[in-house]
Amino acid sequence: MGLETGIFDKEQQVADIANQIAIALQGIRFGSVEIIIHESKVVQIERREKLRFDRRSTLEKSSF
């Protein structure tokens, strides 16, 4: 593998990771995106989304 190929591969890998992070962020209103790094490399991206409900509107709908 030549130097140029290695640099291109590294740049492509960084672009792919950045794209995956952007995808994980899309559409989240409440929650978090966690990036797990091991030995200076991104190994995992976790997305946690929380759904929040307006307590008053939920109670009004359930009352008889």
Protein backbone atom coordinates (compact mmCIF):
# COMPACT_ATOMS: atom_id res chain seq x y z
CA MET A 1 0.00 0.00 0.00
CA GLY A 2 1.45 3.34 -1.02
CA LEU A 3 1.45 6.46 1.11
CA GLU A 4 -1.25 8.13 -1.02
CA THR A 5 -3.54 5.09 -0.77
CA GLY A 6 -3.14 5.00 3.02
CA ILE A 7 -3.98 8.69 3.32
CA PHE A 8 -7.02 8.28 1.05
CA ASP A 9 -8.24 5.29 3.08
CA LYS A 10 -7.84 7.22 6.35
CA GLU A 11 -9.68 10.26 4.94
CA GLN A 12 -12.48 8.02 3.66
CA GLN A 13 -12.75 6.31 7.04
CA VAL A 14 -12.99 9.68 8.82
CA ALA A 15 -15.66 10.82 6.34
CA ASP A 16 -17.63 7.59 6.87
CA ILE A 17 -17.53 8.00 10.66
CA ALA A 18 -18.61 11.65 10.41
CA ASN A 19 -21.48 10.59 8.15
CA GLN A 20 -22.61 7.91 10.62
CA ILE A 21 -22.55 10.45 13.46
CA ALA A 22 -24.65 12.86 11.37
CA ILE A 23 -27.15 10.07 10.66
CA ALA A 24 -27.34 9.24 14.39
CA LEU A 25 -28.12 12.90 15.16
CA GLN A 26 -30.91 13.23 12.60
CA GLY A 27 -34.36 13.44 14.08
CA ILE A 28 -33.39 13.33 17.75
CA ARG A 29 -35.33 15.84 19.83
CA PHE A 30 -34.35 14.46 23.25
CA GLY A 31 -31.57 11.99 23.88
CA SER A 32 -27.89 11.47 23.26
CA VAL A 33 -25.33 10.15 20.81
CA GLU A 34 -22.34 8.48 22.42
CA ILE A 35 -19.11 7.83 20.52
CA ILE A 36 -17.01 4.99 21.94
CA ILE A 37 -13.27 5.25 21.30
CA HIS A 38 -10.74 2.49 21.92
CA GLU A 39 -7.01 2.98 21.32
CA SER A 40 -7.64 6.29 19.52
CA LYS A 41 -10.17 4.75 17.12
CA VAL A 42 -13.95 5.09 16.97
CA VAL A 43 -15.30 1.60 17.56
CA GLN A 44 -18.98 2.24 18.29
CA ILE A 45 -21.68 4.88 17.99
CA GLU A 46 -24.71 4.60 20.30
CA ARG A 47 -27.94 6.54 19.87
CA ARG A 48 -30.37 6.89 22.76
CA GLU A 49 -33.63 8.62 22.08
CA LYS A 50 -36.10 9.65 24.75
CA LEU A 51 -39.77 10.13 24.04
CA ARG A 52 -41.36 12.80 26.17
CA PHE A 53 -45.09 13.13 26.69
CA ASP A 54 -47.05 16.09 27.94
CA ARG A 55 -48.49 14.81 31.21
CA ARG A 56 -51.57 17.05 31.05
CA SER A 57 -52.64 15.99 27.57
CA THR A 58 -52.08 12.32 28.47
CA LEU A 59 -54.26 12.65 31.58
CA GLU A 60 -57.01 14.47 29.67
CA LYS A 61 -57.18 11.72 27.06
CA SER A 62 -57.42 8.95 29.66
CA SER A 63 -60.11 10.54 31.85
CA PHE A 64 -63.71 9.37 31.39
